[in-house]
Amino acid sequence: MLPIQRKEFILKRLSDNRSDSIANLSSLLNVSEMTVRRDLRRMFFF
């Protein structure tokens, strides 16, 4: 999955559920927890 697709998925998931764990997101996206952390950092701090 491309980074932009992960971003859209994460934003939709957080919009629907208000919160989620990094472990759960990484499992759903089939990526490492570090990848989810980097994606979140890029989304909210840049």
C-alpha atoms as a PDB file:
ATOM      1  CA  MET A   1       0.000   0.000   0.000  1.00  0.00           C
ATOM      2  CA  LEU A   2       1.287   3.442  -0.896  1.00  0.00           C
ATOM      3  CA  PRO A   3       1.872   6.063   1.813  1.00  0.00           C
ATOM      4  CA  ILE A   4      -1.009   8.212   0.562  1.00  0.00           C
ATOM      5  CA  GLN A   5      -3.319   5.201   0.753  1.00  0.00           C
ATOM      6  CA  ARG A   6      -2.165   4.470   4.299  1.00  0.00           C
ATOM      7  CA  LYS A   7      -2.760   8.104   5.232  1.00  0.00           C
ATOM      8  CA  GLU A   8      -6.317   7.992   3.885  1.00  0.00           C
ATOM      9  CA  PHE A   9      -6.968   4.694   5.667  1.00  0.00           C
ATOM     10  CA  ILE A  10      -5.610   5.975   8.989  1.00  0.00           C
ATOM     11  CA  LEU A  11      -7.603   9.214   8.773  1.00  0.00           C
ATOM     12  CA  LYS A  12     -10.815   7.322   7.966  1.00  0.00           C
ATOM     13  CA  ARG A  13     -10.189   4.816  10.735  1.00  0.00           C
ATOM     14  CA  LEU A  14      -9.541   7.530  13.315  1.00  0.00           C
ATOM     15  CA  SER A  15     -12.552   9.500  12.112  1.00  0.00           C
ATOM     16  CA  ASP A  16     -14.799   6.458  12.516  1.00  0.00           C
ATOM     17  CA  ASN A  17     -13.353   5.158  15.788  1.00  0.00           C
ATOM     18  CA  ARG A  18     -11.924   8.272  17.466  1.00  0.00           C
ATOM     19  CA  SER A  19      -8.843   6.254  18.468  1.00  0.00           C
ATOM     20  CA  ASP A  20      -6.905   3.142  17.611  1.00  0.00           C
ATOM     21  CA  SER A  21      -3.653   1.533  18.633  1.00  0.00           C
ATOM     22  CA  ILE A  22      -0.523   1.596  16.548  1.00  0.00           C
ATOM     23  CA  ALA A  23      -0.361  -2.182  16.840  1.00  0.00           C
ATOM     24  CA  ASN A  24      -3.886  -2.559  15.476  1.00  0.00           C
ATOM     25  CA  LEU A  25      -3.291  -0.111  12.630  1.00  0.00           C
ATOM     26  CA  SER A  26      -0.071  -1.878  11.663  1.00  0.00           C
ATOM     27  CA  SER A  27      -1.894  -5.200  11.634  1.00  0.00           C
ATOM     28  CA  LEU A  28      -4.750  -3.848   9.512  1.00  0.00           C
ATOM     29  CA  LEU A  29      -2.330  -2.195   7.088  1.00  0.00           C
ATOM     30  CA  ASN A  30       0.096  -5.124   7.078  1.00  0.00           C
ATOM     31  CA  VAL A  31       3.044  -2.833   7.816  1.00  0.00           C
ATOM     32  CA  SER A  32       5.381  -2.450  10.762  1.00  0.00           C
ATOM     33  CA  GLU A  33       4.486  -0.373  13.803  1.00  0.00           C
ATOM     34  CA  MET A  34       7.398   1.905  12.912  1.00  0.00           C
ATOM     35  CA  THR A  35       5.823   2.598   9.512  1.00  0.00           C
ATOM     36  CA  VAL A  36       2.563   3.608  11.202  1.00  0.00           C
ATOM     37  CA  ARG A  37       4.483   5.841  13.627  1.00  0.00           C
ATOM     38  CA  ARG A  38       6.310   7.524  10.736  1.00  0.00           C
ATOM     39  CA  ASP A  39       3.051   8.017   8.834  1.00  0.00           C
ATOM     40  CA  LEU A  40       1.386   9.572  11.886  1.00  0.00           C
ATOM     41  CA  ARG A  41       4.369  11.805  12.522  1.00  0.00           C
ATOM     42  CA  ARG A  42       4.289  13.042   8.925  1.00  0.00           C
ATOM     43  CA  MET A  43       0.547  13.622   9.072  1.00  0.00           C
ATOM     44  CA  PHE A  44       0.463  15.582  12.309  1.00  0.00           C
ATOM     45  CA  PHE A  45       3.844  17.245  12.690  1.00  0.00           C
ATOM     46  CA  PHE A  46       4.683  18.435   9.170  1.00  0.00           C
END
